[in-house]
Protein backbone atom coordinates (compact mmCIF):
# COMPACT_ATOMS: atom_id res chain seq x y z
CA MET A 1 0.00 0.00 0.00
CA SER A 2 1.49 3.32 -1.02
CA GLU A 3 -0.64 5.49 1.23
CA GLN A 4 -1.12 5.01 4.97
CA GLN A 5 -4.72 4.21 5.81
CA ASN A 6 -6.77 6.66 7.89
CA PHE A 7 -10.39 7.76 8.34
CA ALA A 8 -10.39 9.83 5.17
CA ASN A 9 -9.24 7.01 2.89
CA HIS A 10 -10.34 3.77 4.56
CA GLY A 11 -13.40 3.15 2.36
CA LYS A 12 -12.65 0.58 -0.30
CA ILE A 13 -13.54 1.23 -3.93
CA VAL A 14 -13.45 -1.76 -6.27
CA PRO A 15 -13.22 -0.18 -9.73
CA ALA A 16 -14.70 -3.17 -11.59
CA TYR A 17 -17.71 -3.11 -9.26
CA HIS A 18 -18.20 0.60 -8.52
CA TYR A 19 -17.16 2.11 -11.87
CA PHE A 20 -18.16 -0.61 -14.33
CA LEU A 21 -20.69 -3.18 -13.09
CA VAL A 22 -23.07 -0.90 -11.20
CA PRO A 23 -23.12 1.87 -13.86
CA VAL A 24 -23.64 -0.65 -16.69
CA LEU A 25 -26.48 -2.36 -14.83
CA ALA A 26 -28.05 1.00 -13.96
CA LEU A 27 -27.75 2.13 -17.57
CA ASN A 28 -29.33 -1.15 -18.71
CA PHE A 29 -32.25 -0.58 -16.34
CA VAL A 30 -32.81 2.99 -17.50
CA TYR A 31 -32.53 1.96 -21.15
CA SER A 32 -34.99 -0.91 -20.73
CA ILE A 33 -37.55 1.54 -19.33
CA TYR A 34 -36.84 3.98 -22.15
CA ALA A 35 -37.08 1.25 -24.78
CA ALA A 36 -40.35 -0.09 -23.41
CA PHE A 37 -42.03 3.28 -23.09
CA GLY A 38 -40.37 4.64 -26.23
CA TRP A 39 -41.85 1.79 -28.21
CA PHE A 40 -45.30 2.60 -26.85
CA SER A 41 -45.00 6.30 -27.65
CA HIS A 42 -44.10 5.54 -31.30
CA ARG A 43 -47.21 3.36 -31.63
CA GLU A 44 -49.80 5.90 -30.41
CA GLY A 45 -51.82 5.70 -33.62
CA GLN A 46 -52.23 1.94 -33.48
CA SER A 47 -55.28 0.49 -31.80
CA ALA A 48 -53.76 -2.64 -30.31
CA ILE A 49 -50.35 -3.45 -28.88
CA GLY A 50 -49.28 -7.05 -29.20
CA LEU A 51 -49.32 -8.91 -25.90
CA SER A 52 -45.92 -10.43 -26.59
CA VAL A 53 -44.37 -6.97 -27.09
CA LEU A 54 -45.97 -5.72 -23.89
CA LEU A 55 -44.76 -8.75 -21.92
CA GLY A 56 -41.33 -8.59 -23.55
CA GLY A 57 -40.84 -4.96 -22.54
CA GLY A 58 -42.05 -5.68 -19.02
CA LEU A 59 -39.77 -8.70 -18.75
CA GLN A 60 -36.79 -6.65 -19.98
CA ILE A 61 -37.45 -4.03 -17.27
CA LEU A 62 -37.90 -6.74 -14.63
CA MET A 63 -34.68 -8.55 -15.63
CA SER A 64 -32.63 -5.38 -15.66
CA LEU A 65 -33.98 -4.47 -12.21
CA ALA A 66 -33.19 -8.00 -10.97
CA LEU A 67 -29.58 -7.72 -12.22
CA LEU A 68 -29.15 -4.35 -10.56
CA LEU A 69 -30.60 -5.66 -7.30
CA MET A 70 -28.37 -8.73 -7.49
CA ALA A 71 -25.26 -6.53 -7.71
CA PHE A 72 -26.28 -4.51 -4.65
CA LEU A 73 -27.21 -7.62 -2.67
CA ALA A 74 -23.89 -9.27 -3.50
CA ARG A 75 -22.10 -6.24 -2.03
CA THR A 76 -24.41 -6.10 1.00
CA PHE A 77 -24.00 -9.81 1.74
CA ALA A 78 -20.20 -9.57 1.49
CA LEU A 79 -20.17 -6.63 3.91
CA GLY A 80 -22.47 -8.53 6.29
CA VAL A 81 -20.11 -11.51 6.35
CA GLN A 82 -17.17 -9.18 6.90
CA ASP A 83 -18.96 -7.60 9.87
CA ARG A 84 -19.53 -11.04 11.42
CA VAL A 85 -15.85 -11.92 11.08
CA ILE A 86 -14.79 -8.54 12.49
CA ARG A 87 -17.14 -9.04 15.45
CA LEU A 88 -15.45 -12.35 16.26
CA GLU A 89 -11.91 -11.02 15.76
CA GLU A 90 -12.54 -7.93 17.85
CA ARG A 91 -14.11 -9.85 20.75
CA LEU A 92 -10.99 -12.02 20.89
CA ARG A 93 -8.81 -8.91 20.73
CA TYR A 94 -10.82 -7.25 23.52
CA GLN A 95 -10.28 -10.27 25.79
CA GLN A 96 -6.55 -9.63 25.51
CA LEU A 97 -6.48 -5.83 25.60
CA LEU A 98 -9.31 -4.53 27.75
CA PRO A 99 -8.77 -3.98 31.49
CA VAL A 100 -10.40 -6.44 33.88
CA ASP A 101 -13.31 -4.09 34.67
CA LEU A 102 -14.30 -3.82 30.98
CA GLN A 103 -13.97 -7.49 30.04
CA PRO A 104 -17.40 -8.48 31.42
CA ARG A 105 -18.89 -5.80 29.14
CA ILE A 106 -17.48 -7.22 25.88
CA ASN A 107 -20.88 -8.60 24.88
CA GLU A 108 -22.42 -5.13 25.26
CA PHE A 109 -20.60 -3.84 22.18
CA THR A 110 -22.81 -3.52 19.13
CA VAL A 111 -21.67 -4.60 15.68
CA ASN A 112 -21.31 -0.93 14.71
CA GLN A 113 -19.04 -0.29 17.69
CA LEU A 114 -16.90 -3.38 17.08
CA VAL A 115 -16.57 -2.71 13.36
CA SER A 116 -15.55 0.91 13.97
CA LEU A 117 -13.22 0.32 16.90
CA ARG A 118 -11.17 -2.19 14.90
CA PHE A 119 -9.29 0.84 13.56
CA ALA A 120 -8.11 1.91 17.05
CA ASN A 121 -4.60 0.79 17.86
CA ASP A 122 -4.00 -1.48 20.86
CA ALA A 123 -2.86 1.29 23.20
CA GLU A 124 -5.84 3.53 22.45
CA LEU A 125 -8.49 0.80 22.44
CA PRO A 126 -9.28 0.49 26.19
CA GLU A 127 -9.97 4.21 26.61
CA LEU A 128 -12.05 4.42 23.43
CA ALA A 129 -13.96 1.24 24.28
CA ARG A 130 -14.92 2.68 27.66
CA LYS A 131 -15.99 5.98 26.06
CA VAL A 132 -18.06 4.27 23.35
CA LEU A 133 -19.86 2.07 25.90
CA ASN A 134 -20.42 4.76 28.53
CA ASP A 135 -21.53 7.43 26.05
CA LYS A 136 -23.52 4.87 24.01
CA ILE A 137 -21.89 6.01 20.75
CA ASN A 138 -23.13 3.70 18.02
CA ASN A 139 -22.56 5.71 14.83
CA ARG A 140 -19.73 4.16 12.81
CA LYS A 141 -18.52 7.46 11.38
CA ALA A 142 -18.56 9.19 14.78
CA ILE A 143 -16.55 6.39 16.39
CA LYS A 144 -13.98 6.33 13.60
CA GLN A 145 -13.54 10.09 13.85
CA ILE A 146 -12.54 9.97 17.53
CA ILE A 147 -9.75 7.48 16.87
CA GLN A 148 -6.41 9.24 17.19
CA ASN A 149 -3.99 6.43 16.29
CA TRP A 150 -5.35 4.60 13.27
CA ARG A 151 -4.81 0.85 12.90
CA ALA A 152 -5.13 0.01 9.21
CA ASP A 153 -7.33 -2.78 7.90
CA TYR A 154 -6.25 -3.57 4.35
CA GLN A 155 -8.26 -6.83 4.27
CA ARG A 156 -11.65 -5.13 4.18
CA ILE A 157 -14.15 -5.96 1.46
């Protein structure tokens, strides 16, 4: 990695997904709507529209929407699995790093808190963990912004 990871640059962009797949699928969806309704607007003078054309246009719109939804769900599912793994990793890490008085509270951490606090380095973690629990901070962005010594996670999805 050429650049050190921090709050400002920790979000991962996958060019093939974010800049190619999603735009192409979105464009396909928009075009299928345009094609279906464009066909109807050119046929205003005709009295009957063939059922097969109507169903074909509807199916094209439905398929393009299904492909677009599939791309978003694939991303969502991958992030969900990553959050589960992070939750497990961080609970093990907390057993080693948190002071004795905080260890019984490990199960009180929400997924948002665990996922965000993974970026806190080992020395900073106990203090931040206490603050997040006591102040009931659950917003991922807010937690990440209070981290002073960033611990990079280059394995994120």
